Protein backbone atom coordinates (compact mmCIF):
# COMPACT_ATOMS: atom_id res chain seq x y z
CA UNK A 1 0.00 0.00 0.00
CA UNK A 2 1.30 3.44 -0.89
CA UNK A 3 0.22 6.74 0.60
CA UNK A 4 -0.84 9.34 -1.94
CA UNK A 5 -0.34 12.33 0.36
CA UNK A 6 2.61 14.53 1.27
CA UNK A 7 5.32 12.74 3.21
CA UNK A 8 4.93 14.91 6.30
CA UNK A 9 2.86 14.61 9.44
CA UNK A 10 -0.27 16.65 10.05
CA UNK A 11 -1.46 17.55 13.55
CA UNK A 12 -5.15 17.46 14.29
CA UNK A 13 -7.18 18.27 17.38
CA UNK A 14 -10.75 17.81 18.53
CA UNK A 15 -12.72 19.36 21.35
CA UNK A 16 -16.18 19.63 22.77
CA UNK A 17 -17.73 23.09 22.69
CA UNK A 18 -16.48 24.91 25.76
CA UNK A 19 -15.83 28.45 26.93
CA UNK A 20 -12.11 27.76 27.09
CA UNK A 21 -12.10 26.36 23.54
CA UNK A 22 -9.14 24.15 24.49
CA UNK A 23 -8.63 20.93 22.51
CA UNK A 24 -9.44 17.80 24.48
CA UNK A 25 -6.80 15.79 22.64
CA UNK A 26 -4.40 15.76 19.71
CA UNK A 27 -3.57 13.09 17.14
CA UNK A 28 -1.54 12.60 13.95
CA UNK A 29 -2.72 11.74 10.45
CA UNK A 30 -0.49 9.82 8.02
CA UNK A 31 0.14 11.03 4.48
CA UNK A 32 -2.81 10.46 2.20
CA UNK A 33 -5.36 11.95 4.61
CA UNK A 34 -7.14 15.14 3.55
CA UNK A 35 -8.91 17.04 6.34
CA UNK A 36 -12.14 18.86 5.52
CA UNK A 37 -13.49 22.15 6.77
CA UNK A 38 -16.77 21.16 8.42
CA UNK A 39 -18.38 24.38 7.19
CA UNK A 40 -17.23 23.95 3.59
CA UNK A 41 -19.85 23.92 0.84
CA UNK A 42 -20.52 20.29 -0.19
CA UNK A 43 -20.14 21.08 -3.90
CA UNK A 44 -16.75 22.67 -3.31
CA UNK A 45 -15.70 19.71 -1.17
CA UNK A 46 -16.71 17.22 -3.86
CA UNK A 47 -14.81 19.17 -6.52
CA UNK A 48 -11.64 19.10 -4.39
CA UNK A 49 -12.06 15.39 -3.82
CA UNK A 50 -12.62 14.81 -7.53
CA UNK A 51 -9.50 16.82 -8.42
CA UNK A 52 -7.42 14.85 -5.93
CA UNK A 53 -8.75 11.55 -7.28
CA UNK A 54 -8.10 12.57 -10.89
CA UNK A 55 -4.53 13.68 -10.20
CA UNK A 56 -3.60 10.63 -8.14
CA UNK A 57 -5.42 7.95 -10.12
CA UNK A 58 -5.51 9.19 -13.69
CA UNK A 59 -5.75 5.65 -15.00
CA UNK A 60 -8.78 4.65 -12.93
CA UNK A 61 -12.11 4.22 -14.70
CA UNK A 62 -14.25 7.41 -14.57
CA UNK A 63 -17.17 5.40 -13.14
CA UNK A 64 -14.97 4.15 -10.29
CA UNK A 65 -13.72 7.64 -9.43
CA UNK A 66 -17.23 9.10 -9.60
CA UNK A 67 -18.62 6.38 -7.32
CA UNK A 68 -15.82 6.92 -4.82
CA UNK A 69 -16.33 10.70 -4.65
CA UNK A 70 -20.11 10.50 -4.32
CA UNK A 71 -20.04 7.73 -1.70
CA UNK A 72 -17.40 9.59 0.28
CA UNK A 73 -19.43 12.80 0.28
CA UNK A 74 -22.54 10.98 1.50
CA UNK A 75 -20.59 9.47 4.41
CA UNK A 76 -18.98 12.83 5.21
CA UNK A 77 -22.33 14.57 5.37
CA UNK A 78 -23.66 11.83 7.65
CA UNK A 79 -20.72 12.23 10.03
CA UNK A 80 -20.95 16.03 10.06
CA UNK A 81 -24.67 15.81 10.85
CA UNK A 82 -23.80 13.48 13.75
CA UNK A 83 -21.67 16.24 15.32
CA UNK A 84 -18.16 15.32 14.18
CA UNK A 85 -15.37 17.64 15.36
CA UNK A 86 -12.97 16.28 12.75
CA UNK A 87 -13.57 14.64 9.37
CA UNK A 88 -10.90 13.54 6.92
CA UNK A 89 -10.70 11.27 3.88
CA UNK A 90 -7.74 9.18 2.81
CA UNK A 91 -6.74 8.06 -0.66
CA UNK A 92 -4.33 5.13 -0.78
CA UNK A 93 -2.83 3.21 -3.68
CA UNK A 94 -3.01 -0.52 -3.14
CA UNK A 95 -1.02 -3.21 -4.99
CA UNK A 96 -1.82 -3.21 -8.68
CA UNK A 97 -2.32 0.58 -8.61
CA UNK A 98 -5.82 0.02 -7.23
CA UNK A 99 -7.67 3.04 -5.86
CA UNK A 100 -8.74 2.80 -2.23
CA UNK A 101 -10.53 5.30 0.03
CA UNK A 102 -11.55 5.57 3.66
CA UNK A 103 -13.11 8.16 5.98
CA UNK A 104 -12.12 9.11 9.53
CA UNK A 105 -14.21 11.18 11.90
CA UNK A 106 -13.87 12.16 15.56
CA UNK A 107 -16.85 13.00 17.74
CA UNK A 108 -16.34 14.39 21.27
CA UNK A 109 -19.14 13.47 23.63
CA UNK A 110 -19.47 15.26 26.98
CA UNK A 111 -22.28 14.81 29.52
CA UNK A 112 -23.85 18.03 30.75
CA UNK A 113 -23.04 17.05 34.32
CA UNK A 114 -20.73 14.59 35.96
CA UNK A 115 -17.66 14.23 38.15
CA UNK A 116 -14.53 15.97 36.94
CA UNK A 117 -12.38 12.87 37.44
CA UNK A 118 -14.25 10.05 35.75
CA UNK A 119 -13.52 6.35 36.15
CA UNK A 120 -11.96 5.95 32.70
CA UNK A 121 -11.53 2.19 32.95
CA UNK A 122 -15.12 1.74 34.09
CA UNK A 123 -16.35 4.02 31.32
CA UNK A 124 -14.52 2.02 28.64
CA UNK A 125 -15.83 -1.26 30.03
CA UNK A 126 -19.42 0.02 30.05
CA UNK A 127 -19.08 1.14 26.43
CA UNK A 128 -17.78 -2.29 25.42
CA UNK A 129 -20.74 -3.97 27.16
CA UNK A 130 -23.17 -1.65 25.35
CA UNK A 131 -21.54 -2.34 21.98
CA UNK A 132 -21.70 -6.11 22.51
CA UNK A 133 -25.43 -5.80 23.16
CA UNK A 134 -26.02 -3.50 20.19
CA UNK A 135 -23.81 -5.35 17.68
CA UNK A 136 -23.75 -9.09 18.56
CA UNK A 137 -21.84 -9.92 15.36
CA UNK A 138 -19.13 -7.32 15.95
CA UNK A 139 -15.61 -7.76 17.30
CA UNK A 140 -15.62 -5.84 20.60
CA UNK A 141 -12.93 -5.47 23.23
CA UNK A 142 -10.72 -3.19 25.29
CA UNK A 143 -7.32 -1.86 24.19
CA UNK A 144 -4.66 0.08 26.04
CA UNK A 145 -3.39 3.08 24.08
CA UNK A 146 -0.55 5.39 25.14
CA UNK A 147 -3.33 7.89 26.00
CA UNK A 148 -5.17 5.31 28.13
CA UNK A 149 -7.77 2.58 27.96
CA UNK A 150 -10.34 2.56 25.14
CA UNK A 151 -13.21 0.41 23.93
CA UNK A 152 -12.85 -1.02 20.41
CA UNK A 153 -15.55 -2.21 18.01
CA UNK A 154 -15.11 -3.58 14.47
CA UNK A 155 -18.20 -4.37 12.42
CA UNK A 156 -19.66 -4.38 8.93
CA UNK A 157 -22.49 -1.98 8.17
CA UNK A 158 -24.88 -2.15 5.21
CA UNK A 159 -25.90 1.22 3.78
CA UNK A 160 -28.36 2.37 1.15
CA UNK A 161 -26.85 5.40 -0.55
CA UNK A 162 -29.52 7.60 -2.19
CA UNK A 163 -29.59 6.81 -5.89
CA UNK A 164 -30.20 10.44 -6.77
CA UNK A 165 -26.54 11.11 -5.98
CA UNK A 166 -25.63 8.82 -8.88
CA UNK A 167 -28.45 9.97 -11.15
CA UNK A 168 -30.39 6.77 -10.44
CA UNK A 169 -33.95 6.15 -9.29
CA UNK A 170 -33.12 3.42 -6.77
CA UNK A 171 -30.76 3.42 -3.79
CA UNK A 172 -27.29 1.95 -4.21
CA UNK A 173 -26.30 -0.70 -1.61
CA UNK A 174 -22.88 -0.45 0.00
CA UNK A 175 -21.12 -2.42 2.72
CA UNK A 176 -18.72 -0.54 4.97
CA UNK A 177 -16.27 -2.01 7.42
CA UNK A 178 -16.04 0.24 10.45
CA UNK A 179 -13.56 0.45 13.29
CA UNK A 180 -14.42 2.68 16.22
CA UNK A 181 -12.54 3.55 19.38
CA UNK A 182 -14.27 5.13 22.36
CA UNK A 183 -11.53 6.92 24.30
CA UNK A 184 -12.49 8.25 27.78
CA UNK A 185 -11.09 11.77 28.15
CA UNK A 186 -8.41 12.85 30.59
CA UNK A 187 -9.70 16.43 30.58
CA UNK A 188 -13.02 15.67 32.26
CA UNK A 189 -16.15 13.54 31.91
CA UNK A 190 -16.88 12.35 28.39
CA UNK A 191 -15.12 10.54 25.59
CA UNK A 192 -13.75 10.92 22.08
CA UNK A 193 -15.21 8.55 19.50
CA UNK A 194 -12.85 7.79 16.60
CA UNK A 195 -14.66 6.16 13.68
CA UNK A 196 -12.96 4.92 10.50
CA UNK A 197 -14.94 3.47 7.57
CA UNK A 198 -14.05 2.00 4.20
CA UNK A 199 -15.71 -0.05 1.47
CA UNK A 200 -12.34 -1.61 0.62
CA UNK A 201 -12.74 -4.66 2.84
CA UNK A 202 -10.19 -6.62 0.76
CA UNK A 203 -7.41 -4.39 2.13
CA UNK A 204 -8.68 -4.14 5.68
CA UNK A 205 -5.41 -5.41 7.19
CA UNK A 206 -3.52 -2.48 5.67
CA UNK A 207 -6.04 -0.02 7.09
CA UNK A 208 -5.75 -1.61 10.54
CA UNK A 209 -2.03 -0.79 10.47
CA UNK A 210 -2.75 2.82 9.50
CA UNK A 211 -5.41 3.21 12.21
CA UNK A 212 -3.09 1.68 14.78
CA UNK A 213 -0.56 4.43 14.11
CA UNK A 214 -3.20 7.16 14.42
CA UNK A 215 -4.52 5.83 17.72
CA UNK A 216 -1.03 5.43 19.18
CA UNK A 217 -0.45 9.14 18.47
CA UNK A 218 -3.45 10.33 20.55
CA UNK A 219 -2.23 12.67 23.29
CA UNK A 220 -3.57 15.23 25.75
CA UNK A 221 -0.54 17.44 25.03
CA UNK A 222 -0.09 19.62 21.98
CA UNK A 223 2.88 18.42 19.90
CA UNK A 224 5.89 20.71 20.09
CA UNK A 225 6.76 20.39 16.42
CA UNK A 226 9.45 17.73 16.64
CA UNK A 227 9.63 15.06 13.98
CA UNK A 228 7.25 12.29 14.91
CA UNK A 229 7.70 8.57 14.20
CA UNK A 230 5.86 7.26 11.19
CA UNK A 231 2.71 5.25 11.73
CA UNK A 232 3.03 1.52 11.13
CA UNK A 233 1.95 0.63 7.64
CA UNK A 234 3.32 1.11 4.12
CA UNK A 235 4.57 4.64 3.50
CA UNK A 236 2.61 5.98 6.46
CA UNK A 237 3.81 9.34 7.71
CA UNK A 238 1.68 11.63 9.88
CA UNK A 239 -0.33 14.80 10.26
CA UNK A 240 -1.15 16.25 13.66
CA UNK A 241 -4.80 16.99 14.45
CA UNK A 242 -6.77 18.36 17.38
CA UNK A 243 -9.92 16.83 18.83
């Protein structure tokens, strides 16, 4: 798998709405990830995605590129409507010069009231129990990240994408594989939900490596600008983000 982005890291952050407007956590995105302005006009966003797809995968069939852009935009709009603090899309070149795309979003959830110092381990365990009940066919567990304990859920989700987006009368079925981490916050009650989705199930193992690097980079401290280690996975560099 080859990243199609710049070979530098990008810092991202995410935060719940607060008077202090201080990011709850930071994380790094590998090359190939393109972050979106949540207030950007959808048409403008789709045009940028189409331009990126054309420049990186000139040899791909037009129908394939069109389907990828439209499906990606539908998922992005769904995540933004759900209250995402961060949304980004990645374009990766798989063996055989095959086009592959995935979407990452981060949603910060804070209760209106609660103790300042939450039981983070208990919170993660409760989330895992809830996910097992909601998604009996999913792979659910607990993982220990450098940031702290988190609940993990991997499952397949069947979607019906509105056919009007493709100029069709009927909806278009799509199966997404989704990995989500619920990370209890250090900054107070609540959690950050990292959700990654892709239709490219054939290359799921490569995406797991990329997501592993992103989650290992999660930190409560703003990066100081030093060079950061590359995420595990082919040609994976990083980009710092806030949550």
